[in-house]
Structures are given as C-alpha cells and as structure tokens.
C-alpha cells in the first residue's frame, strides 16, 4: 500500500516525466523532466477579472535595446 502511494505522489509531482539527478550528497534523486513544468503563458491578463488588463508579456522589458529605424546593430 505504501509503495502504491509513493508511486502516485511521484507521478503527480513529475507529471509522468522524470529523470535521475545526482544531488550534492552524491545520491540519485528523481526530478521532473517535463520541459514545460510550471510555465505560464505571457498572453494571460494579470488581472483575470479585468479583460482589459495588461499581460505579463507587456510587462517584460525587451532584452535588445531599441535601434532607430534603418540602423543596424554593430558587430
């Protein structure tokens, strides 16, 4: 019974995708291998009750600096 419960918990935590990871103590541990684990869409509004609310994507700064039109980045 305990083994079945452990398996169910492990499957729920890893979403069925798992990999072995060696910890700092040298022991093998199972970790989630789901590449989209805990991801959120940048198109979702920040305030779900307000349909006109800004989105997470609109709040993120552009990592590349804005260049004037017609100019190219220096190599």
PDB file of N, CA and C in Angstrom:
ATOM      1  N   UNK A   1       0.825  -1.196   0.000  1.00  0.00           N
ATOM      2  CA  UNK A   1       0.000   0.000   0.000  1.00  0.00           C
ATOM      3  C   UNK A   1       0.870   1.262   0.000  1.00  0.00           C
ATOM      4  N   UNK A   2       1.882   1.310   0.822  1.00  0.00           N
ATOM      5  CA  UNK A   2       2.754   2.482   0.905  1.00  0.00           C
ATOM      6  C   UNK A   2       3.468   2.698  -0.430  1.00  0.00           C
ATOM      7  N   UNK A   3       3.932   1.626  -1.065  1.00  0.00           N
ATOM      8  CA  UNK A   3       4.631   1.730  -2.341  1.00  0.00           C
ATOM      9  C   UNK A   3       3.714   2.329  -3.406  1.00  0.00           C
ATOM     10  N   UNK A   4       2.458   1.942  -3.410  1.00  0.00           N
ATOM     11  CA  UNK A   4       1.491   2.475  -4.372  1.00  0.00           C
ATOM     12  C   UNK A   4       1.281   3.960  -4.146  1.00  0.00           C
ATOM     13  N   UNK A   5       1.185   4.377  -2.914  1.00  0.00           N
ATOM     14  CA  UNK A   5       1.009   5.796  -2.608  1.00  0.00           C
ATOM     15  C   UNK A   5       2.237   6.602  -3.029  1.00  0.00           C
ATOM     16  N   UNK A   6       3.425   6.084  -2.769  1.00  0.00           N
ATOM     17  CA  UNK A   6       4.652   6.766  -3.175  1.00  0.00           C
ATOM     18  C   UNK A   6       4.701   6.924  -4.691  1.00  0.00           C
ATOM     19  N   UNK A   7       4.321   5.888  -5.414  1.00  0.00           N
ATOM     20  CA  UNK A   7       4.322   5.935  -6.869  1.00  0.00           C
ATOM     21  C   UNK A   7       3.335   6.987  -7.375  1.00  0.00           C
ATOM     22  N   UNK A   8       2.149   7.060  -6.757  1.00  0.00           N
ATOM     23  CA  UNK A   8       1.148   8.048  -7.155  1.00  0.00           C
ATOM     24  C   UNK A   8       1.635   9.476  -6.886  1.00  0.00           C
ATOM     25  N   UNK A   9       2.264   9.683  -5.741  1.00  0.00           N
ATOM     26  CA  UNK A   9       2.792  11.004  -5.404  1.00  0.00           C
ATOM     27  C   UNK A   9       3.901  11.387  -6.384  1.00  0.00           C
ATOM     28  N   UNK A  10       4.813  10.464  -6.661  1.00  0.00           N
ATOM     29  CA  UNK A  10       5.911  10.736  -7.585  1.00  0.00           C
ATOM     30  C   UNK A  10       5.383  11.061  -8.974  1.00  0.00           C
ATOM     31  N   UNK A  11       4.389  10.329  -9.425  1.00  0.00           N
ATOM     32  CA  UNK A  11       3.816  10.579 -10.747  1.00  0.00           C
ATOM     33  C   UNK A  11       3.124  11.945 -10.783  1.00  0.00           C
ATOM     34  N   UNK A  12       2.455  12.322  -9.700  1.00  0.00           N
ATOM     35  CA  UNK A  12       1.792  13.628  -9.649  1.00  0.00           C
ATOM     36  C   UNK A  12       2.819  14.767  -9.652  1.00  0.00           C
ATOM     37  N   UNK A  13       3.926  14.580  -8.970  1.00  0.00           N
ATOM     38  CA  UNK A  13       4.950  15.620  -8.902  1.00  0.00           C
ATOM     39  C   UNK A  13       5.734  15.769 -10.199  1.00  0.00           C
ATOM     40  N   UNK A  14       5.925  14.685 -10.928  1.00  0.00           N
ATOM     41  CA  UNK A  14       6.730  14.735 -12.148  1.00  0.00           C
ATOM     42  C   UNK A  14       5.880  14.734 -13.407  1.00  0.00           C
ATOM     43  N   UNK A  15       4.575  14.649 -13.265  1.00  0.00           N
ATOM     44  CA  UNK A  15       3.656  14.640 -14.403  1.00  0.00           C
ATOM     45  C   UNK A  15       3.961  13.487 -15.349  1.00  0.00           C
ATOM     46  N   UNK A  16       4.493  12.404 -14.825  1.00  0.00           N
ATOM     47  CA  UNK A  16       4.786  11.228 -15.628  1.00  0.00           C
ATOM     48  C   UNK A  16       6.112  11.293 -16.357  1.00  0.00           C
ATOM     49  N   UNK A  17       6.811  12.434 -16.300  1.00  0.00           N
ATOM     50  CA  UNK A  17       8.107  12.594 -16.960  1.00  0.00           C
ATOM     51  C   UNK A  17       9.150  12.807 -15.872  1.00  0.00           C
ATOM     52  N   UNK A  18      10.065  11.881 -15.757  1.00  0.00           N
ATOM     53  CA  UNK A  18      11.063  12.007 -14.698  1.00  0.00           C
ATOM     54  C   UNK A  18      12.454  11.667 -15.216  1.00  0.00           C
ATOM     55  N   UNK A  19      13.449  12.160 -14.514  1.00  0.00           N
ATOM     56  CA  UNK A  19      14.838  11.849 -14.829  1.00  0.00           C
ATOM     57  C   UNK A  19      15.593  11.712 -13.524  1.00  0.00           C
ATOM     58  N   UNK A  20      16.708  11.013 -13.575  1.00  0.00           N
ATOM     59  CA  UNK A  20      17.543  10.844 -12.389  1.00  0.00           C
ATOM     60  C   UNK A  20      18.557  11.974 -12.322  1.00  0.00           C
ATOM     61  N   UNK A  21      18.695  12.548 -11.137  1.00  0.00           N
ATOM     62  CA  UNK A  21      19.620  13.648 -10.905  1.00  0.00           C
ATOM     63  C   UNK A  21      20.488  13.270  -9.712  1.00  0.00           C
ATOM     64  N   UNK A  22      21.786  13.539  -9.825  1.00  0.00           N
ATOM     65  CA  UNK A  22      22.690  13.279  -8.711  1.00  0.00           C
ATOM     66  C   UNK A  22      22.763  14.535  -7.863  1.00  0.00           C
ATOM     67  N   UNK A  23      22.399  14.408  -6.593  1.00  0.00           N
ATOM     68  CA  UNK A  23      22.399  15.539  -5.675  1.00  0.00           C
ATOM     69  C   UNK A  23      23.793  15.847  -5.155  1.00  0.00           C
ATOM     70  N   UNK A  24      23.875  16.916  -4.354  1.00  0.00           N
ATOM     71  CA  UNK A  24      25.164  17.316  -3.778  1.00  0.00           C
ATOM     72  C   UNK A  24      25.731  16.235  -2.862  1.00  0.00           C
ATOM     73  N   UNK A  25      24.825  15.443  -2.291  1.00  0.00           N
ATOM     74  CA  UNK A  25      25.268  14.367  -1.395  1.00  0.00           C
ATOM     75  C   UNK A  25      25.715  13.126  -2.157  1.00  0.00           C
ATOM     76  N   UNK A  26      25.648  13.163  -3.509  1.00  0.00           N
ATOM     77  CA  UNK A  26      26.075  12.028  -4.317  1.00  0.00           C
ATOM     78  C   UNK A  26      25.004  10.983  -4.542  1.00  0.00           C
ATOM     79  N   UNK A  27      23.838  11.175  -3.980  1.00  0.00           N
ATOM     80  CA  UNK A  27      22.749  10.203  -4.126  1.00  0.00           C
ATOM     81  C   UNK A  27      21.883  10.561  -5.328  1.00  0.00           C
ATOM     82  N   UNK A  28      21.287   9.531  -5.916  1.00  0.00           N
ATOM     83  CA  UNK A  28      20.393   9.709  -7.067  1.00  0.00           C
ATOM     84  C   UNK A  28      19.001  10.093  -6.578  1.00  0.00           C
ATOM     85  N   UNK A  29      18.408  11.109  -7.216  1.00  0.00           N
ATOM     86  CA  UNK A  29      17.055  11.556  -6.913  1.00  0.00           C
ATOM     87  C   UNK A  29      16.287  11.642  -8.215  1.00  0.00           C
ATOM     88  N   UNK A  30      14.978  11.454  -8.147  1.00  0.00           N
ATOM     89  CA  UNK A  30      14.142  11.617  -9.329  1.00  0.00           C
ATOM     90  C   UNK A  30      13.604  13.039  -9.349  1.00  0.00           C
ATOM     91  N   UNK A  31      13.648  13.668 -10.518  1.00  0.00           N
ATOM     92  CA  UNK A  31      13.160  15.029 -10.683  1.00  0.00           C
ATOM     93  C   UNK A  31      12.292  15.092 -11.928  1.00  0.00           C
ATOM     94  N   UNK A  32      11.475  16.112 -12.002  1.00  0.00           N
ATOM     95  CA  UNK A  32      10.611  16.295 -13.156  1.00  0.00           C
ATOM     96  C   UNK A  32      11.446  16.581 -14.393  1.00  0.00           C
ATOM     97  N   UNK A  33      11.098  15.925 -15.493  1.00  0.00           N
ATOM     98  CA  UNK A  33      11.790  16.147 -16.761  1.00  0.00           C
ATOM     99  C   UNK A  33      10.854  16.797 -17.766  1.00  0.00           C
ATOM    100  N   UNK A  34       9.746  17.321 -17.282  1.00  0.00           N
ATOM    101  CA  UNK A  34       8.779  17.991 -18.151  1.00  0.00           C
ATOM    102  C   UNK A  34       9.315  19.380 -18.485  1.00  0.00           C
ATOM    103  N   UNK A  35       9.648  19.656 -19.747  1.00  0.00           N
ATOM    104  CA  UNK A  35      10.246  20.954 -20.074  1.00  0.00           C
ATOM    105  C   UNK A  35       9.309  22.134 -19.862  1.00  0.00           C
ATOM    106  N   UNK A  36       8.014  21.902 -19.807  1.00  0.00           N
ATOM    107  CA  UNK A  36       7.064  22.998 -19.609  1.00  0.00           C
ATOM    108  C   UNK A  36       6.510  23.043 -18.197  1.00  0.00           C
ATOM    109  N   UNK A  37       7.206  22.402 -17.273  1.00  0.00           N
ATOM    110  CA  UNK A  37       6.759  22.359 -15.893  1.00  0.00           C
ATOM    111  C   UNK A  37       6.702  23.768 -15.315  1.00  0.00           C
ATOM    112  N   UNK A  38       5.577  24.142 -14.775  1.00  0.00           N
ATOM    113  CA  UNK A  38       5.367  25.433 -14.121  1.00  0.00           C
ATOM    114  C   UNK A  38       5.489  26.626 -15.072  1.00  0.00           C
ATOM    115  N   UNK A  39       5.174  26.441 -16.339  1.00  0.00           N
ATOM    116  CA  UNK A  39       5.216  27.553 -17.290  1.00  0.00           C
ATOM    117  C   UNK A  39       3.873  28.268 -17.316  1.00  0.00           C
ATOM    118  N   UNK A  40       3.915  29.539 -17.614  1.00  0.00           N
ATOM    119  CA  UNK A  40       2.714  30.358 -17.707  1.00  0.00           C
ATOM    120  C   UNK A  40       2.753  31.112 -19.017  1.00  0.00           C
ATOM    121  N   UNK A  41       1.616  31.241 -19.651  1.00  0.00           N
ATOM    122  CA  UNK A  41       1.538  31.987 -20.900  1.00  0.00           C
ATOM    123  C   UNK A  41       1.742  33.468 -20.641  1.00  0.00           C
ATOM    124  N   UNK A  42       2.495  34.124 -21.506  1.00  0.00           N
ATOM    125  CA  UNK A  42       2.711  35.559 -21.378  1.00  0.00           C
ATOM    126  C   UNK A  42       1.521  36.356 -21.884  1.00  0.00           C
ATOM    127  N   UNK A  43       0.544  35.678 -22.505  1.00  0.00           N
ATOM    128  CA  UNK A  43      -0.634  36.353 -23.040  1.00  0.00           C
ATOM    129  C   UNK A  43      -1.801  36.407 -22.054  1.00  0.00           C
ATOM    130  N   UNK A  44      -1.655  35.772 -20.896  1.00  0.00           N
ATOM    131  CA  UNK A  44      -2.726  35.804 -19.905  1.00  0.00           C
ATOM    132  C   UNK A  44      -2.762  37.167 -19.222  1.00  0.00           C
ATOM    133  N   UNK A  45      -3.976  37.715 -19.006  1.00  0.00           N
ATOM    134  CA  UNK A  45      -4.045  39.010 -18.307  1.00  0.00           C
ATOM    135  C   UNK A  45      -3.593  38.861 -16.855  1.00  0.00           C
ATOM    136  N   UNK A  46      -2.958  39.913 -16.325  1.00  0.00           N
ATOM    137  CA  UNK A  46      -2.505  39.867 -14.936  1.00  0.00           C
ATOM    138  C   UNK A  46      -3.682  39.858 -13.964  1.00  0.00           C
ATOM    139  N   UNK A  47      -4.759  40.540 -14.330  1.00  0.00           N
ATOM    140  CA  UNK A  47      -5.968  40.557 -13.514  1.00  0.00           C
ATOM    141  C   UNK A  47      -7.053  39.802 -14.276  1.00  0.00           C
ATOM    142  N   UNK A  48      -7.363  38.598 -13.820  1.00  0.00           N
ATOM    143  CA  UNK A  48      -8.323  37.761 -14.541  1.00  0.00           C
ATOM    144  C   UNK A  48      -9.722  38.357 -14.571  1.00  0.00           C
ATOM    145  N   UNK A  49     -10.053  39.187 -13.618  1.00  0.00           N
ATOM    146  CA  UNK A  49     -11.395  39.769 -13.566  1.00  0.00           C
ATOM    147  C   UNK A  49     -11.544  40.948 -14.531  1.00  0.00           C
ATOM    148  N   UNK A  50     -10.420  41.549 -14.950  1.00  0.00           N
ATOM    149  CA  UNK A  50     -10.456  42.696 -15.848  1.00  0.00           C
ATOM    150  C   UNK A  50      -9.952  42.259 -17.226  1.00  0.00           C
ATOM    151  N   UNK A  51     -10.863  42.201 -18.209  1.00  0.00           N
ATOM    152  CA  UNK A  51     -10.477  41.709 -19.537  1.00  0.00           C
ATOM    153  C   UNK A  51      -9.515  42.661 -20.248  1.00  0.00           C
ATOM    154  N   UNK A  52      -9.487  43.918 -19.875  1.00  0.00           N
ATOM    155  CA  UNK A  52      -8.584  44.885 -20.494  1.00  0.00           C
ATOM    156  C   UNK A  52      -7.260  45.000 -19.768  1.00  0.00           C
ATOM    157  N   UNK A  53      -7.021  44.125 -18.825  1.00  0.00           N
ATOM    158  CA  UNK A  53      -5.804  44.178 -18.013  1.00  0.00           C
ATOM    159  C   UNK A  53      -4.566  43.908 -18.871  1.00  0.00           C
ATOM    160  N   UNK A  54      -3.455  44.488 -18.472  1.00  0.00           N
ATOM    161  CA  UNK A  54      -2.193  44.265 -19.164  1.00  0.00           C
ATOM    162  C   UNK A  54      -1.749  42.811 -18.978  1.00  0.00           C
ATOM    163  N   UNK A  55      -0.932  42.313 -19.897  1.00  0.00           N
ATOM    164  CA  UNK A  55      -0.466  40.932 -19.817  1.00  0.00           C
ATOM    165  C   UNK A  55       0.968  40.897 -19.299  1.00  0.00           C
ATOM    166  N   UNK A  56       1.416  39.711 -18.912  1.00  0.00           N
ATOM    167  CA  UNK A  56       2.780  39.541 -18.429  1.00  0.00           C
ATOM    168  C   UNK A  56       3.775  39.880 -19.532  1.00  0.00           C
ATOM    169  N   UNK A  57       3.459  39.532 -20.766  1.00  0.00           N
ATOM    170  CA  UNK A  57       4.348  39.830 -21.891  1.00  0.00           C
ATOM    171  C   UNK A  57       4.531  41.314 -22.101  1.00  0.00           C
ATOM    172  N   UNK A  58       3.493  42.092 -21.831  1.00  0.00           N
ATOM    173  CA  UNK A  58       3.594  43.542 -21.976  1.00  0.00           C
ATOM    174  C   UNK A  58       4.433  44.156 -20.856  1.00  0.00           C
ATOM    175  N   UNK A  59       4.558  43.474 -19.741  1.00  0.00           N
ATOM    176  CA  UNK A  59       5.322  43.971 -18.598  1.00  0.00           C
ATOM    177  C   UNK A  59       6.814  43.667 -18.709  1.00  0.00           C
ATOM    178  N   UNK A  60       7.182  42.701 -19.552  1.00  0.00           N
ATOM    179  CA  UNK A  60       8.580  42.304 -19.694  1.00  0.00           C
ATOM    180  C   UNK A  60       9.316  43.289 -20.595  1.00  0.00           C
ATOM    181  N   UNK A  61      10.485  43.730 -20.164  1.00  0.00           N
ATOM    182  CA  UNK A  61      11.290  44.629 -20.991  1.00  0.00           C
ATOM    183  C   UNK A  61      11.906  43.850 -22.137  1.00  0.00           C
ATOM    184  N   UNK A  62      12.070  44.523 -23.266  1.00  0.00           N
ATOM    185  CA  UNK A  62      12.729  43.918 -24.412  1.00  0.00           C
ATOM    186  C   UNK A  62      14.216  43.811 -24.093  1.00  0.00           C
ATOM    187  N   UNK A  63      14.793  42.603 -24.165  1.00  0.00           N
ATOM    188  CA  UNK A  63      16.219  42.455 -23.806  1.00  0.00           C
ATOM    189  C   UNK A  63      17.156  43.145 -24.778  1.00  0.00           C
ATOM    190  N   UNK A  64      16.728  43.350 -26.021  1.00  0.00           N
ATOM    191  CA  UNK A  64      17.567  44.040 -27.000  1.00  0.00           C
ATOM    192  C   UNK A  64      17.236  45.520 -26.970  1.00  0.00           C
ATOM    193  N   UNK A  65      18.228  46.376 -26.973  1.00  0.00           N
ATOM    194  CA  UNK A  65      17.943  47.812 -26.963  1.00  0.00           C
ATOM    195  C   UNK A  65      17.276  48.217 -28.270  1.00  0.00           C
ATOM    196  N   UNK A  66      16.413  49.196 -28.202  1.00  0.00           N
ATOM    197  CA  UNK A  66      15.722  49.666 -29.397  1.00  0.00           C
ATOM    198  C   UNK A  66      16.675  50.434 -30.278  1.00  0.00           C
ATOM    199  N   UNK A  67      16.679  50.106 -31.560  1.00  0.00           N
ATOM    200  CA  UNK A  67      17.536  50.793 -32.520  1.00  0.00           C
ATOM    201  C   UNK A  67      16.680  51.723 -33.368  1.00  0.00           C
ATOM    202  N   UNK A  68      17.235  52.869 -33.768  1.00  0.00           N
ATOM    203  CA  UNK A  68      16.484  53.759 -34.646  1.00  0.00           C
ATOM    204  C   UNK A  68      16.169  53.048 -35.970  1.00  0.00           C
ATOM    205  N   UNK A  69      15.040  53.385 -36.614  1.00  0.00           N
ATOM    206  CA  UNK A  69      14.702  52.735 -37.891  1.00  0.00           C
ATOM    207  C   UNK A  69      15.796  52.939 -38.922  1.00  0.00           C
ATOM    208  N   UNK A  70      16.117  51.881 -39.648  1.00  0.00           N
ATOM    209  CA  UNK A  70      17.127  51.940 -40.704  1.00  0.00           C
ATOM    210  C   UNK A  70      18.537  51.677 -40.233  1.00  0.00           C
ATOM    211  N   UNK A  71      18.774  51.609 -38.935  1.00  0.00           N
ATOM    212  CA  UNK A  71      20.130  51.349 -38.454  1.00  0.00           C
ATOM    213  C   UNK A  71      20.307  49.859 -38.209  1.00  0.00           C
ATOM    214  N   UNK A  72      21.545  49.427 -38.172  1.00  0.00           N
ATOM    215  CA  UNK A  72      21.854  48.010 -37.910  1.00  0.00           C
ATOM    216  C   UNK A  72      22.714  47.926 -36.670  1.00  0.00           C
ATOM    217  N   UNK A  73      22.687  46.777 -36.055  1.00  0.00           N
ATOM    218  CA  UNK A  73      23.490  46.559 -34.854  1.00  0.00           C
ATOM    219  C   UNK A  73      24.949  46.431 -35.220  1.00  0.00           C
ATOM    220  N   UNK A  74      25.823  47.028 -34.427  1.00  0.00           N
ATOM    221  CA  UNK A  74      27.269  46.918 -34.664  1.00  0.00           C
ATOM    222  C   UNK A  74      27.742  45.545 -34.256  1.00  0.00           C
ATOM    223  N   UNK A  75      28.619  44.977 -35.043  1.00  0.00           N
ATOM    224  CA  UNK A  75      29.124  43.624 -34.767  1.00  0.00           C
ATOM    225  C   UNK A  75      30.257  43.633 -33.789  1.00  0.00           C
TER     226      UNK A  75
END
